[in-house]
């Protein structure tokens, strides 16, 4: 009969950050995670999208964004919206 043996404790890696999201555990090195640290509290949408609104009208930017999100060409978008 085999006797119970004592197991050594596993050392936790202190240079790793563990993040759980949707039941999945992600591990990142602290040096990598430091690059993605959020330093600003918030940014207004006007500041981010001001260059887009200067280049395109708001409806034009909306249509372009939807077209890119759906991965459609201009012709495919026109056919889906029954303009052609």
N, C-alpha and C. Protein backbone atom coordinates (compact mmCIF):
# COMPACT_ATOMS: atom_id res chain seq x y z
N UNK A 1 0.83 -1.16 0.00
CA UNK A 1 0.00 0.00 0.00
C UNK A 1 0.89 1.24 0.00
N UNK A 2 0.56 2.19 -0.85
CA UNK A 2 1.40 3.39 -0.92
C UNK A 2 0.99 4.39 0.16
N UNK A 3 1.97 5.03 0.71
CA UNK A 3 1.73 6.00 1.78
C UNK A 3 1.48 7.38 1.19
N UNK A 4 0.69 8.17 1.92
CA UNK A 4 0.39 9.53 1.47
C UNK A 4 1.65 10.38 1.59
N UNK A 5 1.96 11.08 0.51
CA UNK A 5 3.15 11.93 0.53
C UNK A 5 2.74 13.38 0.55
N UNK A 6 3.53 14.15 1.19
CA UNK A 6 3.27 15.57 1.26
C UNK A 6 3.71 16.24 -0.03
N UNK A 7 2.87 17.10 -0.56
CA UNK A 7 3.22 17.79 -1.80
C UNK A 7 3.77 19.17 -1.48
N UNK A 8 4.68 19.60 -2.31
CA UNK A 8 5.24 20.94 -2.15
C UNK A 8 4.24 21.97 -2.65
N UNK A 9 4.28 23.13 -2.04
CA UNK A 9 3.42 24.22 -2.50
C UNK A 9 3.92 24.73 -3.84
N UNK A 10 2.99 25.05 -4.70
CA UNK A 10 3.35 25.61 -6.00
C UNK A 10 3.54 27.11 -5.81
N UNK A 11 4.67 27.61 -6.27
CA UNK A 11 4.92 29.04 -6.15
C UNK A 11 4.06 29.79 -7.15
N UNK A 12 3.41 30.82 -6.67
CA UNK A 12 2.62 31.67 -7.56
C UNK A 12 3.58 32.63 -8.27
N UNK A 13 3.39 32.78 -9.55
CA UNK A 13 4.21 33.70 -10.31
C UNK A 13 3.73 35.11 -10.00
N UNK A 14 4.57 35.91 -9.37
CA UNK A 14 4.18 37.25 -8.96
C UNK A 14 4.30 38.27 -10.07
N UNK A 15 4.84 37.88 -11.21
CA UNK A 15 5.00 38.80 -12.33
C UNK A 15 3.86 38.70 -13.33
N UNK A 16 2.78 38.03 -12.95
CA UNK A 16 1.67 37.78 -13.86
C UNK A 16 0.39 38.34 -13.25
N UNK A 17 -0.42 38.95 -14.10
CA UNK A 17 -1.74 39.43 -13.69
C UNK A 17 -2.77 38.47 -14.26
N UNK A 18 -3.69 38.02 -13.41
CA UNK A 18 -4.75 37.12 -13.86
C UNK A 18 -6.06 37.88 -13.92
N UNK A 19 -6.73 37.77 -15.05
CA UNK A 19 -8.01 38.45 -15.26
C UNK A 19 -9.02 37.40 -15.69
N UNK A 20 -10.18 37.40 -15.07
CA UNK A 20 -11.25 36.49 -15.45
C UNK A 20 -12.34 37.27 -16.16
N UNK A 21 -12.71 36.79 -17.34
CA UNK A 21 -13.78 37.42 -18.11
C UNK A 21 -14.59 36.33 -18.78
N UNK A 22 -15.88 36.33 -18.55
CA UNK A 22 -16.81 35.36 -19.15
C UNK A 22 -16.38 33.92 -18.87
N UNK A 23 -15.87 33.69 -17.67
CA UNK A 23 -15.50 32.34 -17.27
C UNK A 23 -14.15 31.87 -17.79
N UNK A 24 -13.42 32.74 -18.48
CA UNK A 24 -12.11 32.38 -19.01
C UNK A 24 -11.05 33.16 -18.23
N UNK A 25 -9.98 32.49 -17.84
CA UNK A 25 -8.90 33.14 -17.10
C UNK A 25 -7.78 33.50 -18.07
N UNK A 26 -7.40 34.78 -18.06
CA UNK A 26 -6.32 35.27 -18.91
C UNK A 26 -5.14 35.64 -18.01
N UNK A 27 -3.93 35.35 -18.45
CA UNK A 27 -2.74 35.72 -17.71
C UNK A 27 -1.88 36.63 -18.59
N UNK A 28 -1.48 37.76 -18.01
CA UNK A 28 -0.66 38.72 -18.72
C UNK A 28 0.57 39.04 -17.88
N UNK A 29 1.73 39.16 -18.49
CA UNK A 29 2.89 39.65 -17.74
C UNK A 29 2.64 41.10 -17.30
N UNK A 30 3.09 41.46 -16.11
CA UNK A 30 2.86 42.80 -15.59
C UNK A 30 3.48 43.86 -16.49
N UNK A 31 4.60 43.55 -17.12
CA UNK A 31 5.25 44.53 -18.01
C UNK A 31 4.37 44.82 -19.22
N UNK A 32 3.71 43.81 -19.74
CA UNK A 32 2.81 44.01 -20.89
C UNK A 32 1.57 44.76 -20.45
N UNK A 33 1.01 44.40 -19.31
CA UNK A 33 -0.21 45.04 -18.83
C UNK A 33 0.02 46.51 -18.51
N UNK A 34 1.23 46.88 -18.11
CA UNK A 34 1.52 48.28 -17.78
C UNK A 34 1.37 49.19 -19.00
N UNK A 35 1.59 48.66 -20.19
CA UNK A 35 1.45 49.45 -21.42
C UNK A 35 0.00 49.84 -21.66
N UNK A 36 -0.94 49.07 -21.16
CA UNK A 36 -2.35 49.28 -21.43
C UNK A 36 -3.09 49.90 -20.24
N UNK A 37 -2.37 50.44 -19.29
CA UNK A 37 -3.00 51.07 -18.13
C UNK A 37 -3.74 52.34 -18.57
N UNK A 38 -4.95 52.49 -18.10
CA UNK A 38 -5.77 53.66 -18.43
C UNK A 38 -5.39 54.77 -17.47
N UNK A 39 -4.94 55.89 -18.05
CA UNK A 39 -4.51 57.00 -17.21
C UNK A 39 -5.54 58.12 -17.18
N UNK A 40 -6.29 58.30 -18.25
CA UNK A 40 -7.28 59.36 -18.30
C UNK A 40 -8.63 58.83 -17.81
N UNK A 41 -9.41 59.72 -17.22
CA UNK A 41 -10.70 59.31 -16.70
C UNK A 41 -11.69 59.01 -17.82
N UNK A 42 -11.91 59.99 -18.69
CA UNK A 42 -12.84 59.78 -19.79
C UNK A 42 -12.51 60.76 -20.91
N UNK A 43 -12.94 60.40 -22.10
CA UNK A 43 -12.72 61.24 -23.27
C UNK A 43 -14.08 61.45 -23.93
N UNK A 44 -14.35 62.67 -24.32
CA UNK A 44 -15.65 62.94 -24.94
C UNK A 44 -15.67 62.41 -26.37
N UNK A 45 -16.85 62.03 -26.82
CA UNK A 45 -16.98 61.54 -28.19
C UNK A 45 -16.72 62.65 -29.20
N UNK A 46 -17.03 63.88 -28.82
CA UNK A 46 -16.77 65.01 -29.73
C UNK A 46 -15.28 65.14 -30.02
N UNK A 47 -14.45 64.89 -29.01
CA UNK A 47 -13.01 64.99 -29.19
C UNK A 47 -12.50 63.89 -30.12
N UNK A 48 -13.04 62.70 -29.96
CA UNK A 48 -12.58 61.56 -30.76
C UNK A 48 -13.06 61.67 -32.20
N UNK A 49 -14.33 62.02 -32.38
CA UNK A 49 -14.93 62.00 -33.71
C UNK A 49 -14.95 63.35 -34.41
N UNK A 50 -14.27 64.34 -33.88
CA UNK A 50 -14.32 65.66 -34.50
C UNK A 50 -13.72 65.66 -35.90
N UNK A 51 -12.64 64.90 -36.11
CA UNK A 51 -12.03 64.86 -37.45
C UNK A 51 -12.94 64.13 -38.44
N UNK A 52 -13.66 63.11 -37.98
CA UNK A 52 -14.58 62.39 -38.86
C UNK A 52 -15.74 63.29 -39.25
N UNK A 53 -16.26 64.06 -38.30
CA UNK A 53 -17.39 64.94 -38.58
C UNK A 53 -17.00 66.10 -39.49
N UNK A 54 -15.73 66.48 -39.49
CA UNK A 54 -15.27 67.52 -40.42
C UNK A 54 -15.16 66.95 -41.84
N UNK A 55 -14.72 65.70 -41.94
CA UNK A 55 -14.51 65.09 -43.26
C UNK A 55 -15.82 64.64 -43.90
N UNK A 56 -16.72 64.08 -43.10
CA UNK A 56 -18.00 63.57 -43.59
C UNK A 56 -19.13 64.23 -42.82
N UNK A 57 -20.32 64.22 -43.40
CA UNK A 57 -21.49 64.65 -42.63
C UNK A 57 -21.82 63.55 -41.63
N UNK A 58 -22.60 63.84 -40.62
CA UNK A 58 -22.93 62.81 -39.63
C UNK A 58 -23.67 61.62 -40.25
N UNK A 59 -24.68 61.86 -41.14
CA UNK A 59 -25.30 60.69 -41.78
C UNK A 59 -24.32 59.92 -42.67
N UNK A 60 -23.42 60.65 -43.33
CA UNK A 60 -22.43 59.98 -44.18
C UNK A 60 -21.48 59.13 -43.37
N UNK A 61 -21.05 59.64 -42.22
CA UNK A 61 -20.16 58.87 -41.34
C UNK A 61 -20.88 57.64 -40.79
N UNK A 62 -22.16 57.79 -40.48
CA UNK A 62 -22.95 56.67 -39.98
C UNK A 62 -23.08 55.57 -41.04
N UNK A 63 -23.41 55.96 -42.27
CA UNK A 63 -23.52 54.98 -43.36
C UNK A 63 -22.19 54.29 -43.63
N UNK A 64 -21.13 55.07 -43.62
CA UNK A 64 -19.81 54.49 -43.86
C UNK A 64 -19.45 53.51 -42.75
N UNK A 65 -19.73 53.88 -41.50
CA UNK A 65 -19.43 52.99 -40.38
C UNK A 65 -20.21 51.69 -40.44
N UNK A 66 -21.48 51.78 -40.80
CA UNK A 66 -22.31 50.57 -40.92
C UNK A 66 -21.80 49.70 -42.06
N UNK A 67 -21.44 50.34 -43.17
CA UNK A 67 -20.94 49.60 -44.33
C UNK A 67 -19.64 48.87 -43.99
N UNK A 68 -18.75 49.53 -43.28
CA UNK A 68 -17.49 48.90 -42.89
C UNK A 68 -17.73 47.79 -41.87
N UNK A 69 -18.62 48.04 -40.90
CA UNK A 69 -18.92 47.03 -39.89
C UNK A 69 -19.48 45.76 -40.52
N UNK A 70 -20.34 45.93 -41.52
CA UNK A 70 -20.96 44.78 -42.19
C UNK A 70 -20.07 44.21 -43.30
N UNK A 71 -18.91 44.83 -43.52
CA UNK A 71 -17.94 44.37 -44.52
C UNK A 71 -18.57 44.35 -45.92
N UNK A 72 -19.21 45.47 -46.30
CA UNK A 72 -19.87 45.58 -47.59
C UNK A 72 -19.18 46.65 -48.45
N UNK A 73 -19.21 46.44 -49.76
CA UNK A 73 -18.77 47.49 -50.67
C UNK A 73 -19.91 48.48 -50.83
N UNK A 74 -19.63 49.60 -51.50
CA UNK A 74 -20.68 50.59 -51.71
C UNK A 74 -21.80 50.02 -52.58
N UNK A 75 -21.44 49.22 -53.58
CA UNK A 75 -22.45 48.63 -54.46
C UNK A 75 -23.31 47.63 -53.69
N UNK A 76 -22.67 46.77 -52.86
CA UNK A 76 -23.42 45.80 -52.06
C UNK A 76 -24.35 46.51 -51.08
N UNK A 77 -23.87 47.61 -50.49
CA UNK A 77 -24.71 48.37 -49.56
C UNK A 77 -25.91 48.98 -50.27
N UNK A 78 -25.70 49.48 -51.48
CA UNK A 78 -26.79 50.07 -52.25
C UNK A 78 -27.83 49.01 -52.62
N UNK A 79 -27.36 47.81 -52.99
CA UNK A 79 -28.30 46.74 -53.33
C UNK A 79 -29.10 46.30 -52.11
N UNK A 80 -28.44 46.20 -50.95
CA UNK A 80 -29.15 45.79 -49.74
C UNK A 80 -30.16 46.84 -49.30
N UNK A 81 -29.86 48.10 -49.53
CA UNK A 81 -30.80 49.16 -49.15
C UNK A 81 -31.75 49.49 -50.30
N UNK A 82 -31.70 48.70 -51.36
CA UNK A 82 -32.59 48.79 -52.53
C UNK A 82 -32.52 50.14 -53.23
N UNK A 83 -31.30 50.67 -53.30
CA UNK A 83 -31.10 51.91 -54.04
C UNK A 83 -30.73 51.63 -55.49
N UNK A 84 -30.24 50.42 -55.76
CA UNK A 84 -29.90 50.03 -57.14
C UNK A 84 -30.83 48.95 -57.63
